[in-house]
Amino acid sequence: MPDVLRNNMNGPFHDYIPDWYGDVGLKILQTMCINAIMPIVGIVKGIVVPIIKAKIDSKFTDDIY
């Protein structure tokens, strides 16, 4: 193995030991949950924000003019 890879691959875990799941696995799970929710947030933001801006512009009345 080249020295560059060997130097970057030395970490506190040799294999998937129980401590790995608590440290690294939790961060991977957090990232997966955030990535699952963000597309929904983007869609809702694209729909809700213009509605709220329109309500603010009309001073929360039902007058469309």
Protein backbone atom coordinates (compact mmCIF):
# COMPACT_ATOMS: atom_id res chain seq x y z
CA MET A 1 0.00 0.00 0.00
CA PRO A 2 1.42 3.46 -0.86
CA ASP A 3 2.50 5.63 2.05
CA VAL A 4 -0.08 8.30 1.20
CA LEU A 5 -2.97 5.86 1.69
CA ARG A 6 -1.40 4.24 4.72
CA ASN A 7 -0.99 7.62 6.46
CA ASN A 8 -4.59 8.64 5.77
CA MET A 9 -6.13 5.28 6.70
CA ASN A 10 -4.84 5.10 10.26
CA GLY A 11 -7.72 5.76 12.59
CA PRO A 12 -8.91 4.71 16.01
CA PHE A 13 -10.85 1.71 14.63
CA HIS A 14 -9.30 -1.35 12.98
CA ASP A 15 -12.60 -2.99 12.14
CA TYR A 16 -16.31 -2.69 12.87
CA ILE A 17 -16.09 -2.95 16.62
CA PRO A 18 -18.99 -1.83 18.87
CA ASP A 19 -17.36 1.57 19.49
CA TRP A 20 -17.36 2.22 15.72
CA TYR A 21 -21.16 1.99 15.59
CA GLY A 22 -21.51 4.55 18.37
CA ASP A 23 -19.10 7.04 16.83
CA VAL A 24 -18.99 6.68 13.05
CA GLY A 25 -22.25 4.82 12.48
CA LEU A 26 -24.26 7.46 14.31
CA LYS A 27 -22.85 10.24 12.10
CA ILE A 28 -23.63 8.24 8.96
CA LEU A 29 -27.20 7.68 10.19
CA GLN A 30 -27.60 11.40 10.97
CA THR A 31 -26.44 12.31 7.47
CA MET A 32 -28.83 9.80 5.90
CA CYS A 33 -31.79 11.22 7.86
CA ILE A 34 -30.95 14.80 6.91
CA ASN A 35 -30.57 13.82 3.24
CA ALA A 36 -33.94 12.05 3.36
CA ILE A 37 -35.74 15.12 4.75
CA MET A 38 -34.10 17.93 2.75
CA PRO A 39 -35.91 17.29 -0.59
CA ILE A 40 -39.24 17.55 1.23
CA VAL A 41 -38.12 20.77 2.92
CA GLY A 42 -37.16 22.21 -0.47
CA ILE A 43 -40.54 21.43 -1.99
CA VAL A 44 -42.47 22.79 0.99
CA LYS A 45 -40.32 25.91 1.02
CA GLY A 46 -41.04 26.48 -2.66
CA ILE A 47 -44.77 26.32 -2.03
CA VAL A 48 -45.19 27.88 1.42
CA VAL A 49 -42.82 30.85 1.15
CA PRO A 50 -44.59 32.42 -1.87
CA ILE A 51 -47.96 32.00 -0.11
CA ILE A 52 -46.64 33.69 3.03
CA LYS A 53 -45.11 36.51 0.95
CA ALA A 54 -48.43 37.04 -0.82
CA LYS A 55 -50.28 37.17 2.51
CA ILE A 56 -47.79 39.70 3.89
CA ASP A 57 -48.09 41.78 0.71
CA SER A 58 -51.89 41.87 0.99
CA LYS A 59 -51.68 42.59 4.73
CA PHE A 60 -53.42 39.29 5.52
CA THR A 61 -56.67 40.25 3.83
CA ASP A 62 -58.50 38.22 1.19
CA ASP A 63 -58.34 41.09 -1.31
CA ILE A 64 -56.39 39.85 -4.35
CA TYR A 65 -55.78 43.41 -5.54
